[in-house]
Each structure stands twice: as C-alpha cells, then as structure tokens.
Protein backbone atom coordinates (compact mmCIF):
# COMPACT_ATOMS: atom_id res chain seq x y z
CA MET A 1 109.54 20.90 11.60
CA ILE A 2 106.73 21.74 9.22
CA LYS A 3 107.17 25.23 7.78
CA ILE A 4 104.53 27.72 8.84
CA ILE A 5 103.92 30.13 5.95
CA ALA A 6 101.97 33.41 6.09
CA LYS A 7 98.88 33.30 3.88
CA GLN A 8 98.39 37.08 4.07
CA ASP A 9 100.05 40.17 5.54
CA PHE A 10 99.75 40.54 9.32
CA SER A 11 101.66 41.43 12.48
CA ILE A 12 102.04 39.49 15.69
CA GLY A 13 104.05 40.38 18.76
CA GLY A 14 105.46 43.46 17.07
CA ASN A 15 106.77 41.44 14.12
CA LEU A 16 105.49 42.16 10.63
CA PHE A 17 104.96 39.36 8.12
CA ILE A 18 103.99 39.45 4.47
CA LYS A 19 102.39 36.76 2.38
CA GLY A 20 104.89 33.94 1.79
CA ASP A 21 107.08 34.63 4.85
CA GLU A 22 107.99 31.74 7.13
CA ILE A 23 106.75 32.28 10.69
CA PRO A 24 109.53 31.36 13.17
CA THR A 25 107.41 30.50 16.22
CA LYS A 26 107.73 27.49 18.47
CA ASN A 27 104.67 28.34 20.54
CA TYR A 28 101.93 25.79 19.86
CA ASP A 29 99.09 28.04 21.06
CA THR A 30 100.20 30.79 18.68
CA ILE A 31 100.30 28.34 15.78
CA ILE A 32 96.75 27.18 16.60
CA LYS A 33 95.46 30.78 16.76
CA LEU A 34 97.13 31.73 13.47
CA ASN A 35 95.71 28.61 11.82
CA GLU A 36 92.17 29.25 13.12
CA ALA A 37 92.31 32.88 12.00
CA GLY A 38 93.38 31.84 8.49
CA LEU A 39 96.57 33.91 8.64
CA ILE A 40 98.84 30.99 7.72
CA GLU A 41 98.68 28.28 5.09
CA PRO A 42 96.10 25.79 6.40
CA LEU A 43 97.45 23.06 8.65
CA GLU A 44 95.58 19.79 8.97
CA TYR A 45 95.08 17.93 12.24
CA LYS A 46 97.98 15.58 11.42
CA ASP A 47 100.30 18.57 10.85
CA LEU A 48 99.29 20.12 14.17
CA VAL A 49 99.90 16.85 16.05
CA LEU A 50 103.36 16.52 14.49
CA ILE A 51 104.22 20.13 15.35
CA LYS A 52 103.06 19.65 18.94
CA ARG A 53 105.13 16.47 19.33
CA GLU A 54 108.22 18.20 17.96
CA ILE A 55 107.80 21.19 20.28
CA GLU A 56 107.29 18.97 23.34
CA ASN A 57 110.11 16.55 22.49
CA PRO A 58 112.78 18.36 20.48
CA LYS A 59 115.24 15.98 18.87
CA LYS A 60 118.90 16.51 19.55
CA GLU A 61 120.91 17.08 16.41
CA LYS A 62 122.87 14.05 15.40
CA LYS A 63 126.62 14.35 15.33
CA GLU A 64 128.12 13.79 11.93
CA GLU A 65 130.04 10.54 11.74
CA LYS A 66 133.02 10.17 9.46
C-alpha cells in the first residue's frame, strides 16, 4: 500500500503524529479528510484510487515456495 506520511504535526483519534511519521490507517474516508486538510503528503487521484482498491480488496499474502 502507498505510505501515508504526515506533512505536519497533528493528532487524530487520540493518536499524535509528527512531521514524517507514517499514518497507519486503513480507513479510506480518514485518508481523504487528511489529504484535503493538507495534513499528509499530497496524494493524487491515482494514488487515492489505488488505496481504495487495496482497502476494498486486500490481497492475501503469498506463501513462500521453496
């Protein structure tokens, strides 16, 4: 999944983030709100579509073959 990086210091849901932290959310609506507010590194439309697809259809991890 595309990394969501804090652009500035902020708090959300009781969690504190500083500039440069990775935001560990899998909630698409939260990602959209953070992006619109400018709190995370800007995500383009293509990035948002890819994130939404990954959230809706999570891939199962492949088993390692020997």
